[in-house]
C-alpha atoms as a PDB file:
ATOM      1  CA  MET A   1     154.557 -27.001 163.369  1.00  0.00           C
ATOM      2  CA  PRO A   2     156.101 -27.243 166.833  1.00  0.00           C
ATOM      3  CA  GLU A   3     155.004 -30.425 168.599  1.00  0.00           C
ATOM      4  CA  HIS A   4     155.146 -28.902 172.075  1.00  0.00           C
ATOM      5  CA  THR A   5     153.001 -25.791 171.538  1.00  0.00           C
ATOM      6  CA  LYS A   6     150.473 -26.929 174.130  1.00  0.00           C
ATOM      7  CA  GLN A   7     153.133 -27.494 176.786  1.00  0.00           C
ATOM      8  CA  VAL A   8     154.881 -24.177 176.044  1.00  0.00           C
ATOM      9  CA  LEU A   9     151.634 -22.209 176.284  1.00  0.00           C
ATOM     10  CA  ARG A  10     150.825 -23.840 179.601  1.00  0.00           C
ATOM     11  CA  SER A  11     154.337 -23.366 180.997  1.00  0.00           C
ATOM     12  CA  LEU A  12     154.116 -19.641 180.150  1.00  0.00           C
ATOM     13  CA  ASN A  13     150.623 -19.485 181.713  1.00  0.00           C
ATOM     14  CA  VAL A  14     149.238 -17.924 178.553  1.00  0.00           C
ATOM     15  CA  VAL A  15     145.504 -17.219 178.654  1.00  0.00           C
ATOM     16  CA  TRP A  16     143.307 -15.414 176.136  1.00  0.00           C
ATOM     17  CA  GLU A  17     140.983 -12.493 176.708  1.00  0.00           C
ATOM     18  CA  ILE A  18     138.289 -10.925 174.540  1.00  0.00           C
ATOM     19  CA  THR A  19     137.816  -7.152 174.427  1.00  0.00           C
ATOM     20  CA  LEU A  20     134.643  -5.785 172.854  1.00  0.00           C
ATOM     21  CA  THR A  21     134.884  -2.186 171.650  1.00  0.00           C
ATOM     22  CA  LEU A  22     131.402  -0.690 171.511  1.00  0.00           C
ATOM     23  CA  LYS A  23     130.386   1.900 168.939  1.00  0.00           C
ATOM     24  CA  GLY A  24     130.360   4.599 171.633  1.00  0.00           C
ATOM     25  CA  GLY A  25     134.011   3.832 172.446  1.00  0.00           C
ATOM     26  CA  ARG A  26     133.538   1.875 175.688  1.00  0.00           C
ATOM     27  CA  ARG A  27     135.636  -1.294 176.015  1.00  0.00           C
ATOM     28  CA  CYS A  28     134.443  -4.445 177.815  1.00  0.00           C
ATOM     29  CA  VAL A  29     136.932  -7.174 178.795  1.00  0.00           C
ATOM     30  CA  TYR A  30     135.935 -10.849 179.214  1.00  0.00           C
ATOM     31  CA  LYS A  31     138.025 -13.586 180.815  1.00  0.00           C
ATOM     32  CA  ARG A  32     138.288 -17.035 179.291  1.00  0.00           C
ATOM     33  CA  SER A  33     135.830 -19.542 180.742  1.00  0.00           C
ATOM     34  CA  HIS A  34     136.960 -22.704 178.949  1.00  0.00           C
ATOM     35  CA  ALA A  35     139.786 -23.929 176.684  1.00  0.00           C
ATOM     36  CA  PHE A  36     139.988 -27.250 174.822  1.00  0.00           C
ATOM     37  CA  PHE A  37     143.352 -28.292 173.341  1.00  0.00           C
ATOM     38  CA  LEU A  38     143.582 -30.547 170.283  1.00  0.00           C
ATOM     39  CA  ASP A  39     146.464 -31.813 168.137  1.00  0.00           C
ATOM     40  CA  SER A  40     146.963 -28.575 166.177  1.00  0.00           C
ATOM     41  CA  SER A  41     144.601 -25.976 167.648  1.00  0.00           C
ATOM     42  CA  VAL A  42     142.897 -24.768 170.801  1.00  0.00           C
ATOM     43  CA  SER A  43     139.222 -23.805 171.108  1.00  0.00           C
ATOM     44  CA  VAL A  44     138.575 -21.022 173.617  1.00  0.00           C
ATOM     45  CA  CYS A  45     135.190 -19.980 174.982  1.00  0.00           C
ATOM     46  CA  TRP A  46     134.001 -16.840 176.777  1.00  0.00           C
ATOM     47  CA  SER A  47     130.530 -17.310 178.244  1.00  0.00           C
ATOM     48  CA  TYR A  48     130.293 -15.433 181.546  1.00  0.00           C
ATOM     49  CA  GLY A  49     129.513 -11.794 182.213  1.00  0.00           C
ATOM     50  CA  THR A  50     127.087  -9.186 180.973  1.00  0.00           C
ATOM     51  CA  TRP A  51     127.034  -8.986 177.200  1.00  0.00           C
ATOM     52  CA  PRO A  52     125.770  -6.229 174.867  1.00  0.00           C
ATOM     53  CA  LYS A  53     123.639  -6.581 171.762  1.00  0.00           C
ATOM     54  CA  ILE A  54     125.800  -7.437 168.787  1.00  0.00           C
ATOM     55  CA  HIS A  55     124.594  -4.349 166.880  1.00  0.00           C
ATOM     56  CA  ARG A  56     126.348  -2.161 169.467  1.00  0.00           C
ATOM     57  CA  VAL A  57     129.755  -3.844 168.966  1.00  0.00           C
ATOM     58  CA  TYR A  58     132.308  -2.218 166.674  1.00  0.00           C
ATOM     59  CA  SER A  59     135.115  -4.775 167.029  1.00  0.00           C
ATOM     60  CA  VAL A  60     136.168  -7.973 168.789  1.00  0.00           C
ATOM     61  CA  GLU A  61     139.823  -7.999 169.862  1.00  0.00           C
ATOM     62  CA  LEU A  62     141.488 -11.213 170.977  1.00  0.00           C
ATOM     63  CA  TYR A  63     144.578 -10.895 173.210  1.00  0.00           C
ATOM     64  CA  GLY A  64     147.125 -13.330 174.542  1.00  0.00           C
ATOM     65  CA  VAL A  65     147.816 -12.499 178.188  1.00  0.00           C
ATOM     66  CA  LEU A  66     150.501 -13.777 180.544  1.00  0.00           C
ATOM     67  CA  ASP A  67     148.622 -14.924 183.613  1.00  0.00           C
ATOM     68  CA  SER A  68     149.322 -12.983 186.833  1.00  0.00           C
ATOM     69  CA  SER A  69     151.205 -15.916 188.361  1.00  0.00           C
ATOM     70  CA  THR A  70     154.064 -15.222 185.911  1.00  0.00           C
ATOM     71  CA  THR A  71     154.122 -11.438 186.271  1.00  0.00           C
ATOM     72  CA  VAL A  72     154.820  -8.932 189.019  1.00  0.00           C
ATOM     73  CA  LEU A  73     151.417  -8.075 190.479  1.00  0.00           C
ATOM     74  CA  SER A  74     152.198  -4.376 190.773  1.00  0.00           C
ATOM     75  CA  LYS A  75     152.762  -4.110 187.021  1.00  0.00           C
ATOM     76  CA  PRO A  76     150.083  -4.284 184.330  1.00  0.00           C
ATOM     77  CA  GLN A  77     149.859  -7.596 182.454  1.00  0.00           C
ATOM     78  CA  TRP A  78     151.382  -7.743 178.971  1.00  0.00           C
ATOM     79  CA  ARG A  79     148.784  -8.098 176.235  1.00  0.00           C
ATOM     80  CA  SER A  80     149.567  -9.331 172.740  1.00  0.00           C
ATOM     81  CA  LEU A  81     146.955  -8.661 170.054  1.00  0.00           C
ATOM     82  CA  VAL A  82     146.192 -11.945 168.262  1.00  0.00           C
ATOM     83  CA  SER A  83     143.349 -10.738 166.045  1.00  0.00           C
ATOM     84  CA  LYS A  84     140.903  -7.873 165.586  1.00  0.00           C
ATOM     85  CA  THR A  85     137.548  -8.545 163.933  1.00  0.00           C
ATOM     86  CA  LEU A  86     135.330  -5.666 162.800  1.00  0.00           C
ATOM     87  CA  LEU A  87     131.605  -6.396 163.086  1.00  0.00           C
ATOM     88  CA  SER A  88     130.464  -4.102 160.302  1.00  0.00           C
ATOM     89  CA  ARG A  89     126.929  -4.601 158.978  1.00  0.00           C
ATOM     90  CA  THR A  90     128.183  -3.578 155.535  1.00  0.00           C
ATOM     91  CA  GLU A  91     129.657  -7.074 155.422  1.00  0.00           C
ATOM     92  CA  LYS A  92     127.260 -10.000 155.432  1.00  0.00           C
ATOM     93  CA  TRP A  93     126.912 -11.684 158.806  1.00  0.00           C
ATOM     94  CA  ARG A  94     126.887 -15.421 158.153  1.00  0.00           C
ATOM     95  CA  CYS A  95     124.550 -17.587 160.235  1.00  0.00           C
ATOM     96  CA  ILE A  96     125.885 -21.153 160.305  1.00  0.00           C
ATOM     97  CA  GLY A  97     123.343 -22.783 162.598  1.00  0.00           C
ATOM     98  CA  THR A  98     120.619 -22.388 165.168  1.00  0.00           C
ATOM     99  CA  ASP A  99     118.795 -24.219 167.925  1.00  0.00           C
ATOM    100  CA  SER A 100     115.823 -23.242 170.098  1.00  0.00           C
ATOM    101  CA  LEU A 101     117.865 -20.670 172.062  1.00  0.00           C
ATOM    102  CA  VAL A 102     120.769 -19.281 170.014  1.00  0.00           C
ATOM    103  CA  LYS A 103     121.991 -18.443 166.531  1.00  0.00           C
ATOM    104  CA  LEU A 104     125.618 -19.044 165.573  1.00  0.00           C
ATOM    105  CA  MET A 105     127.245 -16.211 163.603  1.00  0.00           C
ATOM    106  CA  GLN A 106     130.599 -16.870 161.920  1.00  0.00           C
ATOM    107  CA  PHE A 107     133.178 -14.112 161.426  1.00  0.00           C
ATOM    108  CA  ASP A 108     136.791 -14.150 160.247  1.00  0.00           C
ATOM    109  CA  GLU A 109     139.828 -15.155 162.333  1.00  0.00           C
ATOM    110  CA  GLY A 110     137.947 -18.239 163.599  1.00  0.00           C
ATOM    111  CA  ILE A 111     135.531 -16.153 165.705  1.00  0.00           C
ATOM    112  CA  THR A 112     132.039 -17.588 166.312  1.00  0.00           C
ATOM    113  CA  VAL A 113     129.445 -15.548 168.207  1.00  0.00           C
ATOM    114  CA  GLY A 114     126.363 -17.093 169.800  1.00  0.00           C
ATOM    115  CA  ILE A 115     123.370 -14.728 169.917  1.00  0.00           C
ATOM    116  CA  TRP A 116     120.190 -15.185 171.915  1.00  0.00           C
ATOM    117  CA  ARG A 117     117.305 -15.647 169.492  1.00  0.00           C
ATOM    118  CA  GLY A 118     114.886 -12.738 169.335  1.00  0.00           C
ATOM    119  CA  THR A 119     117.084 -10.304 171.292  1.00  0.00           C
ATOM    120  CA  TRP A 120     120.441 -10.054 169.401  1.00  0.00           C
ATOM    121  CA  VAL A 121     122.199 -10.054 172.789  1.00  0.00           C
ATOM    122  CA  ILE A 122     125.505 -11.953 172.727  1.00  0.00           C
ATOM    123  CA  ALA A 123     125.320 -15.251 174.661  1.00  0.00           C
ATOM    124  CA  PHE A 124     128.948 -16.386 174.222  1.00  0.00           C
ATOM    125  CA  ILE A 125     131.980 -16.086 171.957  1.00  0.00           C
ATOM    126  CA  MET A 126     134.195 -18.950 170.774  1.00  0.00           C
ATOM    127  CA  ALA A 127     137.490 -18.818 168.907  1.00  0.00           C
ATOM    128  CA  THR A 128     139.612 -21.596 167.421  1.00  0.00           C
ATOM    129  CA  LEU A 129     143.328 -20.765 167.290  1.00  0.00           C
ATOM    130  CA  HIS A 130     145.754 -22.707 165.122  1.00  0.00           C
ATOM    131  CA  PHE A 131     149.008 -23.743 166.791  1.00  0.00           C
ATOM    132  CA  HIS A 132     151.156 -22.340 163.965  1.00  0.00           C
ATOM    133  CA  ARG A 133     153.018 -19.399 165.539  1.00  0.00           C
ATOM    134  CA  LEU A 134     150.456 -19.274 168.331  1.00  0.00           C
ATOM    135  CA  VAL A 135     153.103 -18.863 171.056  1.00  0.00           C
ATOM    136  CA  GLU A 136     154.655 -15.893 169.238  1.00  0.00           C
ATOM    137  CA  ARG A 137     151.241 -14.414 168.402  1.00  0.00           C
ATOM    138  CA  SER A 138     150.128 -14.744 172.030  1.00  0.00           C
ATOM    139  CA  VAL A 139     153.306 -13.261 173.569  1.00  0.00           C
ATOM    140  CA  LEU A 140     155.330 -11.162 171.108  1.00  0.00           C
ATOM    141  CA  GLY A 141     152.647  -8.812 169.778  1.00  0.00           C
ATOM    142  CA  SER A 142     151.655  -5.522 171.413  1.00  0.00           C
ATOM    143  CA  LEU A 143     148.409  -3.956 172.590  1.00  0.00           C
ATOM    144  CA  PHE A 144     147.787  -2.500 169.119  1.00  0.00           C
ATOM    145  CA  CYS A 145     149.826  -4.626 166.659  1.00  0.00           C
ATOM    146  CA  PRO A 146     149.846  -8.407 166.178  1.00  0.00           C
ATOM    147  CA  TYR A 147     153.048 -10.395 165.755  1.00  0.00           C
ATOM    148  CA  ARG A 148     154.132 -10.760 162.114  1.00  0.00           C
ATOM    149  CA  ALA A 149     156.414 -13.569 160.920  1.00  0.00           C
ATOM    150  CA  GLU A 150     159.328 -12.833 158.597  1.00  0.00           C
ATOM    151  CA  GLU A 151     158.983 -14.059 155.020  1.00  0.00           C
ATOM    152  CA  ILE A 152     161.689 -16.240 153.492  1.00  0.00           C
ATOM    153  CA  SER A 153     162.466 -17.546 150.027  1.00  0.00           C
ATOM    154  CA  PRO A 154     160.306 -20.496 148.930  1.00  0.00           C
ATOM    155  CA  LEU A 155     161.560 -24.041 148.517  1.00  0.00           C
ATOM    156  CA  HIS A 156     159.866 -24.155 145.108  1.00  0.00           C
ATOM    157  CA  PRO A 157     160.043 -20.751 143.361  1.00  0.00           C
ATOM    158  CA  GLU A 158     157.166 -21.835 141.125  1.00  0.00           C
ATOM    159  CA  VAL A 159     154.945 -24.879 140.883  1.00  0.00           C
ATOM    160  CA  PRO A 160     155.752 -26.437 137.493  1.00  0.00           C
ATOM    161  CA  GLN A 161     152.957 -26.640 134.924  1.00  0.00           C
ATOM    162  CA  GLY A 162     151.571 -30.143 134.501  1.00  0.00           C
ATOM    163  CA  SER A 163     153.960 -32.189 136.661  1.00  0.00           C
ATOM    164  CA  GLY A 164     153.380 -30.423 140.002  1.00  0.00           C
ATOM    165  CA  VAL A 165     155.274 -30.788 143.268  1.00  0.00           C
ATOM    166  CA  HIS A 166     155.119 -33.954 145.366  1.00  0.00           C
ATOM    167  CA  GLY A 167     155.457 -34.409 149.106  1.00  0.00           C
ATOM    168  CA  TYR A 168     152.779 -32.137 150.564  1.00  0.00           C
ATOM    169  CA  THR A 169     150.897 -33.188 153.714  1.00  0.00           C
ATOM    170  CA  VAL A 170     147.317 -32.298 154.650  1.00  0.00           C
ATOM    171  CA  LEU A 171     146.059 -32.668 158.229  1.00  0.00           C
ATOM    172  CA  VAL A 172     142.307 -32.354 158.887  1.00  0.00           C
ATOM    173  CA  LEU A 173     140.525 -32.113 162.227  1.00  0.00           C
ATOM    174  CA  LEU A 174     136.764 -31.880 162.690  1.00  0.00           C
ATOM    175  CA  HIS A 175     135.891 -31.036 166.279  1.00  0.00           C
ATOM    176  CA  ASN A 176     133.907 -28.836 168.616  1.00  0.00           C
ATOM    177  CA  SER A 177     134.785 -27.163 171.901  1.00  0.00           C
ATOM    178  CA  VAL A 178     134.619 -30.383 173.949  1.00  0.00           C
ATOM    179  CA  ARG A 179     135.599 -33.319 171.708  1.00  0.00           C
ATOM    180  CA  ARG A 180     137.337 -34.415 168.542  1.00  0.00           C
ATOM    181  CA  ILE A 181     134.969 -35.677 165.834  1.00  0.00           C
ATOM    182  CA  MET A 182     137.435 -36.786 163.138  1.00  0.00           C
ATOM    183  CA  ARG A 183     141.166 -36.703 162.475  1.00  0.00           C
ATOM    184  CA  CYS A 184     142.859 -37.708 159.223  1.00  0.00           C
ATOM    185  CA  ARG A 185     146.253 -37.249 157.585  1.00  0.00           C
ATOM    186  CA  PHE A 186     147.006 -37.360 153.867  1.00  0.00           C
ATOM    187  CA  SER A 187     150.589 -37.710 152.647  1.00  0.00           C
ATOM    188  CA  PRO A 188     152.162 -37.476 150.148  1.00  0.00           C
ATOM    189  CA  VAL A 189     149.841 -35.139 148.244  1.00  0.00           C
ATOM    190  CA  LEU A 190     150.541 -33.709 144.789  1.00  0.00           C
ATOM    191  CA  CYS A 191     150.383 -29.909 144.401  1.00  0.00           C
ATOM    192  CA  THR A 192     149.589 -28.794 140.826  1.00  0.00           C
ATOM    193  CA  LYS A 193     148.544 -25.629 139.030  1.00  0.00           C
ATOM    194  CA  ASP A 194     144.804 -25.346 138.482  1.00  0.00           C
ATOM    195  CA  GLU A 195     144.127 -24.908 134.787  1.00  0.00           C
ATOM    196  CA  PHE A 196     140.542 -23.765 135.399  1.00  0.00           C
ATOM    197  CA  CYS A 197     141.103 -21.456 138.385  1.00  0.00           C
ATOM    198  CA  SER A 198     143.814 -18.962 137.445  1.00  0.00           C
ATOM    199  CA  GLY A 199     146.172 -17.919 140.207  1.00  0.00           C
ATOM    200  CA  TYR A 200     145.602 -21.024 142.336  1.00  0.00           C
ATOM    201  CA  VAL A 201     147.366 -24.322 142.891  1.00  0.00           C
ATOM    202  CA  GLN A 202     145.286 -27.319 143.875  1.00  0.00           C
ATOM    203  CA  LEU A 203     145.674 -30.323 146.133  1.00  0.00           C
ATOM    204  CA  ARG A 204     143.308 -33.285 145.932  1.00  0.00           C
ATOM    205  CA  PRO A 205     144.110 -35.500 148.916  1.00  0.00           C
ATOM    206  CA  LEU A 206     140.888 -37.495 148.628  1.00  0.00           C
ATOM    207  CA  ASN A 207     138.226 -38.239 146.025  1.00  0.00           C
ATOM    208  CA  ALA A 208     135.321 -40.618 145.645  1.00  0.00           C
ATOM    209  CA  GLY A 209     137.439 -43.247 143.865  1.00  0.00           C
ATOM    210  CA  MET A 210     139.904 -43.617 146.764  1.00  0.00           C
ATOM    211  CA  SER A 211     137.667 -45.928 148.818  1.00  0.00           C
ATOM    212  CA  GLU A 212     140.604 -47.242 150.874  1.00  0.00           C
ATOM    213  CA  LYS A 213     141.186 -43.706 152.218  1.00  0.00           C
ATOM    214  CA  HIS A 214     137.576 -42.848 153.038  1.00  0.00           C
ATOM    215  CA  THR A 215     137.322 -41.981 156.730  1.00  0.00           C
ATOM    216  CA  ALA A 216     134.427 -42.652 159.103  1.00  0.00           C
ATOM    217  CA  VAL A 217     133.328 -39.723 161.257  1.00  0.00           C
ATOM    218  CA  SER A 218     132.886 -40.906 164.843  1.00  0.00           C
ATOM    219  CA  GLY A 219     129.793 -39.619 166.600  1.00  0.00           C
ATOM    220  CA  LYS A 220     127.428 -36.834 165.615  1.00  0.00           C
ATOM    221  CA  ILE A 221     128.488 -33.560 164.009  1.00  0.00           C
ATOM    222  CA  SER A 222     127.325 -30.845 166.374  1.00  0.00           C
ATOM    223  CA  PHE A 223     128.315 -27.609 168.114  1.00  0.00           C
ATOM    224  CA  PRO A 224     127.689 -27.788 171.907  1.00  0.00           C
ATOM    225  CA  TRP A 225     127.601 -24.495 173.804  1.00  0.00           C
ATOM    226  CA  ARG A 226     127.180 -23.165 177.334  1.00  0.00           C
ATOM    227  CA  ALA A 227     126.249 -19.691 178.553  1.00  0.00           C
ATOM    228  CA  GLY A 228     126.076 -19.400 182.312  1.00  0.00           C
ATOM    229  CA  GLU A 229     123.689 -22.112 183.523  1.00  0.00           C
ATOM    230  CA  LEU A 230     122.115 -22.617 180.086  1.00  0.00           C
ATOM    231  CA  HIS A 231     123.463 -24.994 177.461  1.00  0.00           C
ATOM    232  CA  GLY A 232     122.537 -26.447 174.097  1.00  0.00           C
ATOM    233  CA  ASP A 233     123.795 -28.279 171.023  1.00  0.00           C
ATOM    234  CA  VAL A 234     123.478 -26.961 167.460  1.00  0.00           C
ATOM    235  CA  LYS A 235     123.162 -29.847 165.012  1.00  0.00           C
ATOM    236  CA  ASN A 236     125.112 -30.184 161.736  1.00  0.00           C
ATOM    237  CA  CYS A 237     127.715 -27.584 162.761  1.00  0.00           C
ATOM    238  CA  CYS A 238     131.288 -28.086 163.906  1.00  0.00           C
ATOM    239  CA  MET A 239     134.758 -26.552 163.854  1.00  0.00           C
ATOM    240  CA  MET A 240     137.478 -27.470 161.393  1.00  0.00           C
ATOM    241  CA  THR A 241     141.244 -27.165 161.730  1.00  0.00           C
ATOM    242  CA  VAL A 242     143.217 -27.782 158.515  1.00  0.00           C
ATOM    243  CA  SER A 243     146.992 -27.689 158.024  1.00  0.00           C
ATOM    244  CA  VAL A 244     148.742 -27.883 154.651  1.00  0.00           C
ATOM    245  CA  LEU A 245     152.483 -28.598 154.951  1.00  0.00           C
ATOM    246  CA  ASP A 246     155.151 -28.640 152.246  1.00  0.00           C
ATOM    247  CA  SER A 247     157.710 -31.393 151.690  1.00  0.00           C
ATOM    248  CA  SER A 248     159.844 -30.050 154.568  1.00  0.00           C
ATOM    249  CA  GLN A 249     156.789 -30.005 156.867  1.00  0.00           C
ATOM    250  CA  ARG A 250     156.615 -26.222 156.866  1.00  0.00           C
ATOM    251  CA  PRO A 251     153.098 -24.768 157.109  1.00  0.00           C
ATOM    252  CA  VAL A 252     151.784 -23.353 153.820  1.00  0.00           C
ATOM    253  CA  TRP A 253     148.139 -22.750 154.728  1.00  0.00           C
ATOM    254  CA  CYS A 254     146.640 -23.143 158.203  1.00  0.00           C
ATOM    255  CA  ILE A 255     142.974 -22.458 158.915  1.00  0.00           C
ATOM    256  CA  CYS A 256     140.525 -22.681 161.796  1.00  0.00           C
ATOM    257  CA  SER A 257     136.839 -21.983 161.324  1.00  0.00           C
ATOM    258  CA  SER A 258     133.347 -23.030 162.307  1.00  0.00           C
ATOM    259  CA  SER A 259     131.300 -24.454 159.476  1.00  0.00           C
ATOM    260  CA  THR A 260     127.949 -26.035 158.699  1.00  0.00           C
ATOM    261  CA  LEU A 261     126.949 -29.129 156.751  1.00  0.00           C
ATOM    262  CA  LEU A 262     125.227 -28.168 153.503  1.00  0.00           C
ATOM    263  CA  LEU A 263     123.231 -30.623 151.406  1.00  0.00           C
ATOM    264  CA  ASN A 264     125.185 -31.318 148.219  1.00  0.00           C
ATOM    265  CA  ARG A 265     122.754 -30.865 145.329  1.00  0.00           C
ATOM    266  CA  SER A 266     125.350 -31.922 142.736  1.00  0.00           C
ATOM    267  CA  ARG A 267     126.186 -35.398 144.003  1.00  0.00           C
ATOM    268  CA  VAL A 268     129.633 -36.895 143.615  1.00  0.00           C
ATOM    269  CA  LEU A 269     129.270 -40.140 141.661  1.00  0.00           C
ATOM    270  CA  ASN A 270     130.077 -43.091 143.911  1.00  0.00           C
ATOM    271  CA  GLU A 271     128.909 -46.721 143.776  1.00  0.00           C
ATOM    272  CA  THR A 272     129.887 -47.551 147.366  1.00  0.00           C
ATOM    273  CA  TYR A 273     127.593 -45.116 149.170  1.00  0.00           C
ATOM    274  CA  ASP A 274     123.988 -44.319 148.351  1.00  0.00           C
ATOM    275  CA  GLY A 275     123.229 -41.933 151.227  1.00  0.00           C
ATOM    276  CA  GLU A 276     122.744 -38.178 151.093  1.00  0.00           C
ATOM    277  CA  GLN A 277     125.896 -36.182 150.437  1.00  0.00           C
ATOM    278  CA  PHE A 278     126.911 -33.021 152.299  1.00  0.00           C
ATOM    279  CA  THR A 279     129.705 -30.468 151.955  1.00  0.00           C
ATOM    280  CA  LEU A 280     131.761 -28.431 154.391  1.00  0.00           C
ATOM    281  CA  LYS A 281     133.208 -25.322 152.769  1.00  0.00           C
ATOM    282  CA  TYR A 282     135.736 -22.670 153.692  1.00  0.00           C
ATOM    283  CA  ARG A 283     137.187 -19.689 151.840  1.00  0.00           C
ATOM    284  CA  ASP A 284     139.529 -16.804 152.696  1.00  0.00           C
ATOM    285  CA  SER A 285     141.923 -14.505 150.838  1.00  0.00           C
ATOM    286  CA  ASP A 286     144.609 -17.212 150.606  1.00  0.00           C
ATOM    287  CA  GLY A 287     142.618 -20.278 149.637  1.00  0.00           C
ATOM    288  CA  LYS A 288     139.474 -22.345 149.692  1.00  0.00           C
ATOM    289  CA  LEU A 289     138.403 -25.852 150.639  1.00  0.00           C
ATOM    290  CA  ASN A 290     135.572 -28.260 149.782  1.00  0.00           C
ATOM    291  CA  MET A 291     134.975 -31.349 151.891  1.00  0.00           C
ATOM    292  CA  THR A 292     132.405 -33.991 150.845  1.00  0.00           C
ATOM    293  CA  LEU A 293     130.740 -36.308 153.344  1.00  0.00           C
ATOM    294  CA  VAL A 294     128.100 -38.981 152.814  1.00  0.00           C
ATOM    295  CA  CYS A 295     125.532 -39.930 155.452  1.00  0.00           C
ATOM    296  CA  MET A 296     124.884 -43.664 155.912  1.00  0.00           C
ATOM    297  CA  GLN A 297     121.558 -43.710 157.781  1.00  0.00           C
ATOM    298  CA  ASP A 298     121.644 -47.460 158.453  1.00  0.00           C
ATOM    299  CA  LEU A 299     125.044 -47.150 160.180  1.00  0.00           C
ATOM    300  CA  GLN A 300     124.321 -43.737 161.730  1.00  0.00           C
ATOM    301  CA  LEU A 301     127.698 -42.611 160.369  1.00  0.00           C
ATOM    302  CA  TYR A 302     129.198 -40.007 158.071  1.00  0.00           C
ATOM    303  CA  PHE A 303     132.094 -40.900 155.770  1.00  0.00           C
ATOM    304  CA  LEU A 304     134.558 -38.376 154.366  1.00  0.00           C
ATOM    305  CA  ILE A 305     134.813 -39.215 150.653  1.00  0.00           C
ATOM    306  CA  GLY A 306     136.232 -36.030 149.104  1.00  0.00           C
ATOM    307  CA  LEU A 307     138.653 -33.230 149.952  1.00  0.00           C
ATOM    308  CA  HIS A 308     139.781 -30.575 147.460  1.00  0.00           C
ATOM    309  CA  ILE A 309     141.956 -27.596 148.393  1.00  0.00           C
ATOM    310  CA  TRP A 310     142.925 -24.542 146.338  1.00  0.00           C
ATOM    311  CA  ILE A 311     145.673 -22.177 147.545  1.00  0.00           C
ATOM    312  CA  ARG A 312     146.783 -18.939 145.922  1.00  0.00           C
ATOM    313  CA  ALA A 313     150.018 -19.527 144.004  1.00  0.00           C
ATOM    314  CA  GLU A 314     151.800 -16.603 145.667  1.00  0.00           C
ATOM    315  CA  LYS A 315     151.033 -18.140 149.072  1.00  0.00           C
ATOM    316  CA  VAL A 316     152.760 -21.357 148.073  1.00  0.00           C
ATOM    317  CA  ASN A 317     155.654 -19.454 146.464  1.00  0.00           C
ATOM    318  CA  THR A 318     156.294 -17.271 149.538  1.00  0.00           C
ATOM    319  CA  LEU A 319     156.325 -19.423 152.660  1.00  0.00           C
ATOM    320  CA  LEU A 320     156.499 -18.207 156.246  1.00  0.00           C
ATOM    321  CA  ILE A 321     159.186 -19.295 158.636  1.00  0.00           C
END
């Protein structure tokens, strides 16, 4: 992944806008209110303006926009479609957390919508955008079509049975929209075919027996939010940014999503920690991830003690530039 994505985005004065298309056809545009840059992603928040009830929204469209300081004012600003999320009730809306004022609803493409409790009116929208191809996605798309990268031949036409492929790297960030909670890097990681999950390859960067690699999570896991003059903090929720790189450091699978801590009812056997165990999970069409954390009440700390990743074999065998 390019190391200077943050600087390039800022030098181009790229900002991001949200357009809500209502079921009657009306479109409402919202300007970014806050952006928080991390090592491999940026979290963007839209929290000002008059918002509709979520039931009235057909789609959420996220655009990269060149700020007016870089364009001729008499011309319309160029908009590049980054993602379009349909809010269909035929698909299950997933609630990942709640406090006394809002519910957090998670959708695809890293979109999280905060809804006022009891009214279903949108309070704010947050999106986490991975740096991989973010400059191109924010600039080179059009109003109706996102930028698509060209596919190239894989370094490894097929992951060999049994032996696997060495040299993969896994980067994990837990964070929210204002601070980093945890960062860890695992390399080299072995990529092997999963005998029990057909069509997937698996990476196991961390398990309960690797005590020297267990990572402490600094501070509490929470999801702070602000909507106008109101603010809150949803406990046991956060955002995750995960990057899986091959032996040439080319991205294989890059994800950004909000997630919630779930009590792990099938405990991972471990003699070092006796606290309650929790999982963070993610799944999309290209892969899935399970992260295991243990809570040490006496230290007021979480420790990451397990990380398993499964990626569809065709994703590994057809890499993007």
